[in-house]
Amino acid sequence: MAELAVLSHQFQVVYDDEDLAWVMVQDFPLPRGFEPNQAEVLLFLPPGYPLVPPLGWAIGTRNGALAKFGRSIQTSDEKGWAYFVLDETSWYATADLASGDGLHTVLERIARQLGRM
């Protein structure tokens, strides 16, 4: 998938190469105030992606702890992952990665969502 190749120029990316059900972006930079300042972001891709947008994502850290301005963000499993639904759901899929939505716009939306926490 061309979009993964583009994304891998900016981030370290791991993905499900069997059916592309998930993509993990490692060392994703977090907005100001987060500790640590980077985390792993896991995107859950539905069947039909990229015509159908990803709705869910998770954030995790190597030590399982995540806080913003000293306030802990609750994780929901023993490995330290916190699960979310994208709060911006408009989606415009095109064959042109530069003009349509894709993993790059999902990551931008996640950064904005984290900034509002």
Protein backbone atom coordinates (compact mmCIF):
# COMPACT_ATOMS: atom_id res chain seq x y z
CA MET A 1 0.00 0.00 0.00
CA ALA A 2 1.55 3.26 -1.18
CA GLU A 3 0.23 5.18 1.79
CA LEU A 4 2.25 3.02 4.20
CA ALA A 5 5.42 3.72 2.21
CA VAL A 6 4.79 7.47 2.47
CA LEU A 7 4.03 7.22 6.19
CA SER A 8 7.19 5.19 6.82
CA HIS A 9 9.30 8.16 5.66
CA GLN A 10 8.05 10.11 8.68
CA PHE A 11 7.50 7.40 11.31
CA GLN A 12 8.53 3.88 12.17
CA VAL A 13 5.50 1.87 11.03
CA VAL A 14 4.48 -1.72 11.80
CA TYR A 15 1.36 -3.22 10.26
CA ASP A 16 -0.70 -6.35 9.83
CA ASP A 17 0.62 -7.60 6.49
CA GLU A 18 -1.99 -10.36 6.28
CA ASP A 19 -5.22 -8.35 6.01
CA LEU A 20 -4.18 -4.80 7.01
CA ALA A 21 -6.52 -4.78 10.02
CA TRP A 22 -4.18 -2.49 11.98
CA VAL A 23 -1.25 -0.11 11.58
CA MET A 24 1.03 0.90 14.46
CA VAL A 25 2.94 4.16 14.35
CA GLN A 26 5.83 4.05 16.79
CA ASP A 27 7.33 7.18 18.37
CA PHE A 28 4.31 9.31 17.45
CA PRO A 29 4.97 12.85 18.76
CA LEU A 30 2.42 13.89 21.36
CA PRO A 31 1.07 17.43 21.81
CA ARG A 32 2.57 19.77 24.40
CA GLY A 33 2.03 18.74 27.99
CA PHE A 34 2.20 14.98 27.54
CA GLU A 35 4.65 12.80 29.40
CA PRO A 36 6.25 10.94 27.76
CA ASN A 37 6.36 13.16 24.68
CA GLN A 38 6.07 10.21 22.26
CA ALA A 39 3.91 7.11 22.21
CA GLU A 40 2.79 4.25 20.02
CA VAL A 41 -0.48 4.85 18.17
CA LEU A 42 -2.43 1.86 16.90
CA LEU A 43 -4.98 2.45 14.13
CA PHE A 44 -7.76 -0.08 13.58
CA LEU A 45 -8.62 -0.34 9.88
CA PRO A 46 -12.02 -1.72 8.89
CA PRO A 47 -12.68 -3.92 5.87
CA GLY A 48 -13.10 -1.56 2.95
CA TYR A 49 -10.37 0.85 4.03
CA PRO A 50 -9.51 3.35 2.46
CA LEU A 51 -13.08 3.88 1.23
CA VAL A 52 -14.25 3.38 4.83
CA PRO A 53 -12.49 5.47 7.49
CA PRO A 54 -10.79 4.03 10.56
CA LEU A 55 -12.96 4.74 13.57
CA GLY A 56 -10.87 3.43 16.42
CA TRP A 57 -7.36 3.96 17.68
CA ALA A 58 -5.31 3.24 20.75
CA ILE A 59 -2.34 4.89 22.38
CA GLY A 60 0.26 3.09 24.42
CA THR A 61 3.65 3.67 25.94
CA ARG A 62 6.49 1.33 26.64
CA ASN A 63 6.07 1.67 30.41
CA GLY A 64 2.25 1.83 30.36
CA ALA A 65 2.09 5.34 31.87
CA LEU A 66 0.70 8.37 30.06
CA ALA A 67 -0.12 11.77 31.50
CA LYS A 68 -0.99 15.24 30.26
CA PHE A 69 0.10 18.16 32.43
CA GLY A 70 0.64 15.69 35.29
CA ARG A 71 -2.87 14.20 35.08
CA SER A 72 -2.87 10.47 34.36
CA ILE A 73 -4.77 9.18 31.34
CA GLN A 74 -6.61 6.00 32.23
CA THR A 75 -5.50 2.91 30.36
CA SER A 76 -7.91 0.06 29.88
CA ASP A 77 -5.77 -3.03 29.64
CA GLU A 78 -2.79 -4.58 31.37
CA LYS A 79 -0.38 -3.58 28.59
CA GLY A 80 -1.08 0.12 29.11
CA TRP A 81 -3.23 0.85 26.04
CA ALA A 82 -5.96 3.47 26.12
CA TYR A 83 -8.65 3.06 23.45
CA PHE A 84 -10.52 5.86 21.67
CA VAL A 85 -12.94 6.54 18.83
CA LEU A 86 -12.02 9.24 16.33
CA ASP A 87 -14.10 12.30 17.15
CA GLU A 88 -13.77 13.79 13.65
CA THR A 89 -15.64 11.48 11.33
CA SER A 90 -15.84 13.28 7.97
CA TRP A 91 -13.97 11.32 5.31
CA TYR A 92 -13.05 12.00 1.69
CA ALA A 93 -11.18 9.10 0.11
CA THR A 94 -9.42 9.64 -3.23
CA ALA A 95 -6.72 7.84 -5.17
CA ASP A 96 -4.51 10.91 -4.68
CA LEU A 97 -2.96 10.79 -1.21
CA ALA A 98 -2.24 14.52 -1.24
CA SER A 99 -5.84 15.63 -1.78
CA GLY A 100 -7.86 12.96 0.04
CA ASP A 101 -8.08 11.54 3.52
CA GLY A 102 -5.84 8.69 4.58
CA LEU A 103 -3.61 7.57 7.42
CA HIS A 104 -1.84 10.95 7.41
CA THR A 105 -5.11 12.80 8.07
CA VAL A 106 -6.10 10.24 10.70
CA LEU A 107 -2.85 10.98 12.56
CA GLU A 108 -3.50 14.72 12.30
CA ARG A 109 -6.99 14.18 13.77
CA ILE A 110 -5.56 12.05 16.57
CA ALA A 111 -3.06 14.82 17.42
CA ARG A 112 -5.92 17.35 17.57
CA GLN A 113 -8.02 14.98 19.68
CA LEU A 114 -5.13 14.47 22.10
CA GLY A 115 -4.63 18.22 22.26
CA ARG A 116 -8.22 18.65 23.44
CA MET A 117 -7.87 16.16 26.30
